[in-house]
Amino acid sequence: MPTRISDDIWRQFQEELAAVDRKPSAPLSRDELAQLNPEQRMALAKTEFMGIKRKYGLKLDDVLTFLPEEDVVTYLQRLMH
């Protein structure tokens, strides 16, 4: 038999979840970034990109238009390998 969650508890959960989403995370310092290996830096960049993409409803081509052409070419080459 399923357990029913009260509306007050559900509302509190939703408010706490929204507060976590609104809480900005502190960006890494230059020293912290320097300690990351290339795979960690790429994973961090992907995570940040996906967050921005979701938040603003962007597509990949929206973002690529703002990057220098050389970076776009390098990025696309890495995707193909």
PDB file of N, CA and C in Angstrom:
ATOM      1  N   MET A   1       0.831  -1.172   0.000  1.00  0.00           N
ATOM      2  CA  MET A   1       0.000   0.000   0.000  1.00  0.00           C
ATOM      3  C   MET A   1       0.885   1.248   0.000  1.00  0.00           C
ATOM      4  N   PRO A   2       0.731   2.144  -0.999  1.00  0.00           N
ATOM      5  CA  PRO A   2       1.589   3.319  -1.082  1.00  0.00           C
ATOM      6  C   PRO A   2       1.351   4.275   0.086  1.00  0.00           C
ATOM      7  N   THR A   3       2.440   4.931   0.478  1.00  0.00           N
ATOM      8  CA  THR A   3       2.354   5.913   1.551  1.00  0.00           C
ATOM      9  C   THR A   3       2.057   7.275   0.954  1.00  0.00           C
ATOM     10  N   ARG A   4       1.141   7.977   1.552  1.00  0.00           N
ATOM     11  CA  ARG A   4       0.781   9.311   1.068  1.00  0.00           C
ATOM     12  C   ARG A   4       1.611  10.344   1.816  1.00  0.00           C
ATOM     13  N   ILE A   5       2.227  11.232   1.079  1.00  0.00           N
ATOM     14  CA  ILE A   5       3.015  12.316   1.658  1.00  0.00           C
ATOM     15  C   ILE A   5       2.097  13.514   1.814  1.00  0.00           C
ATOM     16  N   SER A   6       2.146  14.126   2.976  1.00  0.00           N
ATOM     17  CA  SER A   6       1.281  15.282   3.201  1.00  0.00           C
ATOM     18  C   SER A   6       1.696  16.435   2.284  1.00  0.00           C
ATOM     19  N   ASP A   7       0.741  17.274   1.974  1.00  0.00           N
ATOM     20  CA  ASP A   7       1.016  18.415   1.101  1.00  0.00           C
ATOM     21  C   ASP A   7       2.053  19.346   1.707  1.00  0.00           C
ATOM     22  N   ASP A   8       2.023  19.519   3.031  1.00  0.00           N
ATOM     23  CA  ASP A   8       2.993  20.402   3.693  1.00  0.00           C
ATOM     24  C   ASP A   8       4.416  19.868   3.570  1.00  0.00           C
ATOM     25  N   ILE A   9       4.575  18.569   3.767  1.00  0.00           N
ATOM     26  CA  ILE A   9       5.906  17.966   3.653  1.00  0.00           C
ATOM     27  C   ILE A   9       6.384  18.052   2.211  1.00  0.00           C
ATOM     28  N   TRP A  10       5.511  17.780   1.259  1.00  0.00           N
ATOM     29  CA  TRP A  10       5.870  17.855  -0.158  1.00  0.00           C
ATOM     30  C   TRP A  10       6.268  19.288  -0.532  1.00  0.00           C
ATOM     31  N   ARG A  11       5.513  20.263  -0.076  1.00  0.00           N
ATOM     32  CA  ARG A  11       5.804  21.674  -0.369  1.00  0.00           C
ATOM     33  C   ARG A  11       7.154  22.066   0.232  1.00  0.00           C
ATOM     34  N   GLN A  12       7.427  21.619   1.461  1.00  0.00           N
ATOM     35  CA  GLN A  12       8.708  21.919   2.101  1.00  0.00           C
ATOM     36  C   GLN A  12       9.852  21.299   1.309  1.00  0.00           C
ATOM     37  N   PHE A  13       9.666  20.057   0.872  1.00  0.00           N
ATOM     38  CA  PHE A  13      10.686  19.393   0.058  1.00  0.00           C
ATOM     39  C   PHE A  13      10.956  20.183  -1.216  1.00  0.00           C
ATOM     40  N   GLN A  14       9.905  20.612  -1.888  1.00  0.00           N
ATOM     41  CA  GLN A  14      10.058  21.369  -3.124  1.00  0.00           C
ATOM     42  C   GLN A  14      10.777  22.698  -2.871  1.00  0.00           C
ATOM     43  N   GLU A  15      10.451  23.375  -1.767  1.00  0.00           N
ATOM     44  CA  GLU A  15      11.110  24.636  -1.430  1.00  0.00           C
ATOM     45  C   GLU A  15      12.598  24.428  -1.139  1.00  0.00           C
ATOM     46  N   GLU A  16      12.912  23.365  -0.416  1.00  0.00           N
ATOM     47  CA  GLU A  16      14.318  23.079  -0.119  1.00  0.00           C
ATOM     48  C   GLU A  16      15.082  22.706  -1.380  1.00  0.00           C
ATOM     49  N   LEU A  17      14.451  21.953  -2.245  1.00  0.00           N
ATOM     50  CA  LEU A  17      15.082  21.585  -3.507  1.00  0.00           C
ATOM     51  C   LEU A  17      15.327  22.828  -4.370  1.00  0.00           C
ATOM     52  N   ALA A  18      14.359  23.722  -4.414  1.00  0.00           N
ATOM     53  CA  ALA A  18      14.523  24.969  -5.172  1.00  0.00           C
ATOM     54  C   ALA A  18      15.636  25.820  -4.573  1.00  0.00           C
ATOM     55  N   ALA A  19      15.756  25.838  -3.248  1.00  0.00           N
ATOM     56  CA  ALA A  19      16.817  26.610  -2.596  1.00  0.00           C
ATOM     57  C   ALA A  19      18.196  26.059  -2.967  1.00  0.00           C
ATOM     58  N   VAL A  20      18.307  24.747  -3.053  1.00  0.00           N
ATOM     59  CA  VAL A  20      19.577  24.138  -3.470  1.00  0.00           C
ATOM     60  C   VAL A  20      19.900  24.532  -4.903  1.00  0.00           C
ATOM     61  N   ASP A  21      18.902  24.549  -5.781  1.00  0.00           N
ATOM     62  CA  ASP A  21      19.123  24.940  -7.172  1.00  0.00           C
ATOM     63  C   ASP A  21      19.549  26.400  -7.283  1.00  0.00           C
ATOM     64  N   ARG A  22      19.029  27.258  -6.414  1.00  0.00           N
ATOM     65  CA  ARG A  22      19.354  28.685  -6.469  1.00  0.00           C
ATOM     66  C   ARG A  22      20.700  29.002  -5.847  1.00  0.00           C
ATOM     67  N   LYS A  23      21.183  28.138  -4.969  1.00  0.00           N
ATOM     68  CA  LYS A  23      22.435  28.398  -4.264  1.00  0.00           C
ATOM     69  C   LYS A  23      23.596  28.342  -5.257  1.00  0.00           C
ATOM     70  N   PRO A  24      24.262  29.480  -5.456  1.00  0.00           N
ATOM     71  CA  PRO A  24      25.373  29.467  -6.411  1.00  0.00           C
ATOM     72  C   PRO A  24      26.574  28.719  -5.828  1.00  0.00           C
ATOM     73  N   SER A  25      27.205  27.954  -6.647  1.00  0.00           N
ATOM     74  CA  SER A  25      28.418  27.280  -6.206  1.00  0.00           C
ATOM     75  C   SER A  25      29.600  28.192  -6.536  1.00  0.00           C
ATOM     76  N   ALA A  26      30.540  28.216  -5.631  1.00  0.00           N
ATOM     77  CA  ALA A  26      31.705  29.076  -5.827  1.00  0.00           C
ATOM     78  C   ALA A  26      32.570  28.507  -6.947  1.00  0.00           C
ATOM     79  N   PRO A  27      32.987  29.351  -7.878  1.00  0.00           N
ATOM     80  CA  PRO A  27      33.864  28.855  -8.942  1.00  0.00           C
ATOM     81  C   PRO A  27      35.228  28.473  -8.367  1.00  0.00           C
ATOM     82  N   LEU A  28      35.884  27.577  -9.054  1.00  0.00           N
ATOM     83  CA  LEU A  28      37.214  27.160  -8.612  1.00  0.00           C
ATOM     84  C   LEU A  28      38.204  28.299  -8.812  1.00  0.00           C
ATOM     85  N   SER A  29      39.155  28.386  -7.908  1.00  0.00           N
ATOM     86  CA  SER A  29      40.209  29.393  -8.033  1.00  0.00           C
ATOM     87  C   SER A  29      41.194  28.953  -9.123  1.00  0.00           C
ATOM     88  N   ARG A  30      42.061  29.850  -9.509  1.00  0.00           N
ATOM     89  CA  ARG A  30      43.077  29.499 -10.523  1.00  0.00           C
ATOM     90  C   ARG A  30      43.965  28.367 -10.030  1.00  0.00           C
ATOM     91  N   ASP A  31      44.300  28.411  -8.739  1.00  0.00           N
ATOM     92  CA  ASP A  31      45.142  27.346  -8.177  1.00  0.00           C
ATOM     93  C   ASP A  31      44.425  25.999  -8.222  1.00  0.00           C
ATOM     94  N   GLU A  32      43.130  26.004  -7.889  1.00  0.00           N
ATOM     95  CA  GLU A  32      42.358  24.759  -7.931  1.00  0.00           C
ATOM     96  C   GLU A  32      42.234  24.245  -9.361  1.00  0.00           C
ATOM     97  N   LEU A  33      42.007  25.150 -10.315  1.00  0.00           N
ATOM     98  CA  LEU A  33      41.930  24.737 -11.717  1.00  0.00           C
ATOM     99  C   LEU A  33      43.257  24.175 -12.205  1.00  0.00           C
ATOM    100  N   ALA A  34      44.351  24.772 -11.756  1.00  0.00           N
ATOM    101  CA  ALA A  34      45.680  24.316 -12.181  1.00  0.00           C
ATOM    102  C   ALA A  34      45.972  22.907 -11.683  1.00  0.00           C
ATOM    103  N   GLN A  35      45.349  22.502 -10.588  1.00  0.00           N
ATOM    104  CA  GLN A  35      45.589  21.176 -10.033  1.00  0.00           C
ATOM    105  C   GLN A  35      44.792  20.084 -10.735  1.00  0.00           C
ATOM    106  N   LEU A  36      43.836  20.456 -11.559  1.00  0.00           N
ATOM    107  CA  LEU A  36      43.030  19.466 -12.260  1.00  0.00           C
ATOM    108  C   LEU A  36      43.786  18.913 -13.460  1.00  0.00           C
ATOM    109  N   ASN A  37      43.596  17.625 -13.729  1.00  0.00           N
ATOM    110  CA  ASN A  37      44.187  17.058 -14.929  1.00  0.00           C
ATOM    111  C   ASN A  37      43.260  17.377 -16.113  1.00  0.00           C
ATOM    112  N   PRO A  38      43.727  17.170 -17.344  1.00  0.00           N
ATOM    113  CA  PRO A  38      42.911  17.535 -18.510  1.00  0.00           C
ATOM    114  C   PRO A  38      41.526  16.880 -18.538  1.00  0.00           C
ATOM    115  N   GLU A  39      41.427  15.637 -18.090  1.00  0.00           N
ATOM    116  CA  GLU A  39      40.134  14.958 -18.084  1.00  0.00           C
ATOM    117  C   GLU A  39      39.178  15.614 -17.082  1.00  0.00           C
ATOM    118  N   GLN A  40      39.707  15.996 -15.937  1.00  0.00           N
ATOM    119  CA  GLN A  40      38.873  16.663 -14.930  1.00  0.00           C
ATOM    120  C   GLN A  40      38.416  18.038 -15.416  1.00  0.00           C
ATOM    121  N   ARG A  41      39.331  18.754 -16.082  1.00  0.00           N
ATOM    122  CA  ARG A  41      38.969  20.075 -16.610  1.00  0.00           C
ATOM    123  C   ARG A  41      37.887  19.947 -17.671  1.00  0.00           C
ATOM    124  N   MET A  42      37.993  18.935 -18.531  1.00  0.00           N
ATOM    125  CA  MET A  42      36.984  18.721 -19.567  1.00  0.00           C
ATOM    126  C   MET A  42      35.642  18.356 -18.937  1.00  0.00           C
ATOM    127  N   ALA A  43      35.669  17.509 -17.924  1.00  0.00           N
ATOM    128  CA  ALA A  43      34.432  17.125 -17.242  1.00  0.00           C
ATOM    129  C   ALA A  43      33.789  18.343 -16.582  1.00  0.00           C
ATOM    130  N   LEU A  44      34.598  19.198 -15.972  1.00  0.00           N
ATOM    131  CA  LEU A  44      34.080  20.415 -15.352  1.00  0.00           C
ATOM    132  C   LEU A  44      33.481  21.342 -16.409  1.00  0.00           C
ATOM    133  N   ALA A  45      34.173  21.497 -17.521  1.00  0.00           N
ATOM    134  CA  ALA A  45      33.673  22.354 -18.595  1.00  0.00           C
ATOM    135  C   ALA A  45      32.358  21.822 -19.157  1.00  0.00           C
ATOM    136  N   LYS A  46      32.268  20.511 -19.337  1.00  0.00           N
ATOM    137  CA  LYS A  46      31.030  19.916 -19.840  1.00  0.00           C
ATOM    138  C   LYS A  46      29.877  20.138 -18.870  1.00  0.00           C
ATOM    139  N   THR A  47      30.160  19.963 -17.584  1.00  0.00           N
ATOM    140  CA  THR A  47      29.123  20.163 -16.570  1.00  0.00           C
ATOM    141  C   THR A  47      28.640  21.605 -16.570  1.00  0.00           C
ATOM    142  N   GLU A  48      29.575  22.548 -16.623  1.00  0.00           N
ATOM    143  CA  GLU A  48      29.209  23.965 -16.644  1.00  0.00           C
ATOM    144  C   GLU A  48      28.427  24.296 -17.914  1.00  0.00           C
ATOM    145  N   PHE A  49      28.867  23.755 -19.038  1.00  0.00           N
ATOM    146  CA  PHE A  49      28.173  24.009 -20.299  1.00  0.00           C
ATOM    147  C   PHE A  49      26.744  23.479 -20.249  1.00  0.00           C
ATOM    148  N   MET A  50      26.572  22.261 -19.750  1.00  0.00           N
ATOM    149  CA  MET A  50      25.230  21.678 -19.690  1.00  0.00           C
ATOM    150  C   MET A  50      24.314  22.492 -18.770  1.00  0.00           C
ATOM    151  N   GLY A  51      24.869  23.022 -17.693  1.00  0.00           N
ATOM    152  CA  GLY A  51      24.086  23.865 -16.801  1.00  0.00           C
ATOM    153  C   GLY A  51      23.627  25.143 -17.487  1.00  0.00           C
ATOM    154  N   ILE A  52      24.529  25.788 -18.200  1.00  0.00           N
ATOM    155  CA  ILE A  52      24.187  27.013 -18.937  1.00  0.00           C
ATOM    156  C   ILE A  52      23.204  26.697 -20.055  1.00  0.00           C
ATOM    157  N   LYS A  53      23.446  25.596 -20.743  1.00  0.00           N
ATOM    158  CA  LYS A  53      22.561  25.185 -21.839  1.00  0.00           C
ATOM    159  C   LYS A  53      21.135  24.984 -21.340  1.00  0.00           C
ATOM    160  N   ARG A  54      21.002  24.274 -20.208  1.00  0.00           N
ATOM    161  CA  ARG A  54      19.679  24.032 -19.633  1.00  0.00           C
ATOM    162  C   ARG A  54      19.034  25.324 -19.139  1.00  0.00           C
ATOM    163  N   LYS A  55      19.815  26.141 -18.445  1.00  0.00           N
ATOM    164  CA  LYS A  55      19.280  27.358 -17.837  1.00  0.00           C
ATOM    165  C   LYS A  55      18.741  28.330 -18.881  1.00  0.00           C
ATOM    166  N   TYR A  56      19.460  28.488 -19.989  1.00  0.00           N
ATOM    167  CA  TYR A  56      19.077  29.471 -20.992  1.00  0.00           C
ATOM    168  C   TYR A  56      18.466  28.858 -22.249  1.00  0.00           C
ATOM    169  N   GLY A  57      18.328  27.540 -22.281  1.00  0.00           N
ATOM    170  CA  GLY A  57      17.723  26.880 -23.430  1.00  0.00           C
ATOM    171  C   GLY A  57      18.559  27.003 -24.695  1.00  0.00           C
ATOM    172  N   LEU A  58      19.878  26.975 -24.530  1.00  0.00           N
ATOM    173  CA  LEU A  58      20.778  27.133 -25.672  1.00  0.00           C
ATOM    174  C   LEU A  58      21.032  25.803 -26.363  1.00  0.00           C
ATOM    175  N   LYS A  59      21.404  25.909 -27.604  1.00  0.00           N
ATOM    176  CA  LYS A  59      21.844  24.751 -28.378  1.00  0.00           C
ATOM    177  C   LYS A  59      23.350  24.895 -28.578  1.00  0.00           C
ATOM    178  N   LEU A  60      23.987  23.823 -28.994  1.00  0.00           N
ATOM    179  CA  LEU A  60      25.437  23.844 -29.173  1.00  0.00           C
ATOM    180  C   LEU A  60      25.858  24.923 -30.151  1.00  0.00           C
ATOM    181  N   ASP A  61      25.137  25.076 -31.258  1.00  0.00           N
ATOM    182  CA  ASP A  61      25.537  26.083 -32.243  1.00  0.00           C
ATOM    183  C   ASP A  61      25.388  27.500 -31.694  1.00  0.00           C
ATOM    184  N   ASP A  62      24.470  27.717 -30.733  1.00  0.00           N
ATOM    185  CA  ASP A  62      24.360  29.030 -30.094  1.00  0.00           C
ATOM    186  C   ASP A  62      25.643  29.378 -29.364  1.00  0.00           C
ATOM    187  N   VAL A  63      26.204  28.391 -28.692  1.00  0.00           N
ATOM    188  CA  VAL A  63      27.413  28.620 -27.905  1.00  0.00           C
ATOM    189  C   VAL A  63      28.635  28.732 -28.818  1.00  0.00           C
ATOM    190  N   LEU A  64      28.728  27.876 -29.810  1.00  0.00           N
ATOM    191  CA  LEU A  64      29.901  27.871 -30.681  1.00  0.00           C
ATOM    192  C   LEU A  64      30.082  29.181 -31.443  1.00  0.00           C
ATOM    193  N   THR A  65      28.991  29.885 -31.701  1.00  0.00           N
ATOM    194  CA  THR A  65      29.114  31.148 -32.439  1.00  0.00           C
ATOM    195  C   THR A  65      29.865  32.207 -31.640  1.00  0.00           C
ATOM    196  N   PHE A  66      29.967  32.054 -30.331  1.00  0.00           N
ATOM    197  CA  PHE A  66      30.662  33.032 -29.503  1.00  0.00           C
ATOM    198  C   PHE A  66      32.124  32.696 -29.270  1.00  0.00           C
ATOM    199  N   LEU A  67      32.561  31.517 -29.699  1.00  0.00           N
ATOM    200  CA  LEU A  67      33.941  31.092 -29.487  1.00  0.00           C
ATOM    201  C   LEU A  67      34.808  31.444 -30.683  1.00  0.00           C
ATOM    202  N   PRO A  68      36.114  31.619 -30.451  1.00  0.00           N
ATOM    203  CA  PRO A  68      37.028  31.840 -31.583  1.00  0.00           C
ATOM    204  C   PRO A  68      36.989  30.642 -32.529  1.00  0.00           C
ATOM    205  N   GLU A  69      37.122  30.919 -33.804  1.00  0.00           N
ATOM    206  CA  GLU A  69      37.014  29.877 -34.838  1.00  0.00           C
ATOM    207  C   GLU A  69      37.976  28.723 -34.589  1.00  0.00           C
ATOM    208  N   GLU A  70      39.208  29.035 -34.163  1.00  0.00           N
ATOM    209  CA  GLU A  70      40.203  27.984 -33.930  1.00  0.00           C
ATOM    210  C   GLU A  70      39.739  27.027 -32.829  1.00  0.00           C
ATOM    211  N   ASP A  71      39.116  27.584 -31.780  1.00  0.00           N
ATOM    212  CA  ASP A  71      38.624  26.743 -30.690  1.00  0.00           C
ATOM    213  C   ASP A  71      37.478  25.857 -31.147  1.00  0.00           C
ATOM    214  N   VAL A  72      36.628  26.379 -32.005  1.00  0.00           N
ATOM    215  CA  VAL A  72      35.500  25.606 -32.528  1.00  0.00           C
ATOM    216  C   VAL A  72      36.013  24.442 -33.370  1.00  0.00           C
ATOM    217  N   VAL A  73      36.983  24.719 -34.226  1.00  0.00           N
ATOM    218  CA  VAL A  73      37.549  23.670 -35.078  1.00  0.00           C
ATOM    219  C   VAL A  73      38.185  22.588 -34.208  1.00  0.00           C
ATOM    220  N   THR A  74      38.952  22.993 -33.211  1.00  0.00           N
ATOM    221  CA  THR A  74      39.590  22.033 -32.309  1.00  0.00           C
ATOM    222  C   THR A  74      38.551  21.200 -31.578  1.00  0.00           C
ATOM    223  N   TYR A  75      37.506  21.857 -31.103  1.00  0.00           N
ATOM    224  CA  TYR A  75      36.432  21.154 -30.395  1.00  0.00           C
ATOM    225  C   TYR A  75      35.764  20.122 -31.305  1.00  0.00           C
ATOM    226  N   LEU A  76      35.428  20.533 -32.513  1.00  0.00           N
ATOM    227  CA  LEU A  76      34.769  19.626 -33.447  1.00  0.00           C
ATOM    228  C   LEU A  76      35.677  18.461 -33.840  1.00  0.00           C
ATOM    229  N   GLN A  77      36.972  18.734 -33.988  1.00  0.00           N
ATOM    230  CA  GLN A  77      37.914  17.656 -34.298  1.00  0.00           C
ATOM    231  C   GLN A  77      37.975  16.639 -33.157  1.00  0.00           C
ATOM    232  N   ARG A  78      37.946  17.128 -31.921  1.00  0.00           N
ATOM    233  CA  ARG A  78      37.973  16.217 -30.774  1.00  0.00           C
ATOM    234  C   ARG A  78      36.706  15.370 -30.710  1.00  0.00           C
ATOM    235  N   LEU A  79      35.581  15.943 -31.118  1.00  0.00           N
ATOM    236  CA  LEU A  79      34.328  15.184 -31.122  1.00  0.00           C
ATOM    237  C   LEU A  79      34.374  14.045 -32.139  1.00  0.00           C
ATOM    238  N   MET A  80      35.070  14.259 -33.243  1.00  0.00           N
ATOM    239  CA  MET A  80      35.120  13.244 -34.302  1.00  0.00           C
ATOM    240  C   MET A  80      36.069  12.114 -33.981  1.00  0.00           C
ATOM    241  N   HIS A  81      36.963  12.285 -33.025  1.00  0.00           N
ATOM    242  CA  HIS A  81      37.940  11.224 -32.708  1.00  0.00           C
ATOM    243  C   HIS A  81      37.460  10.362 -31.607  1.00  0.00           C
TER     244      HIS A  81
END
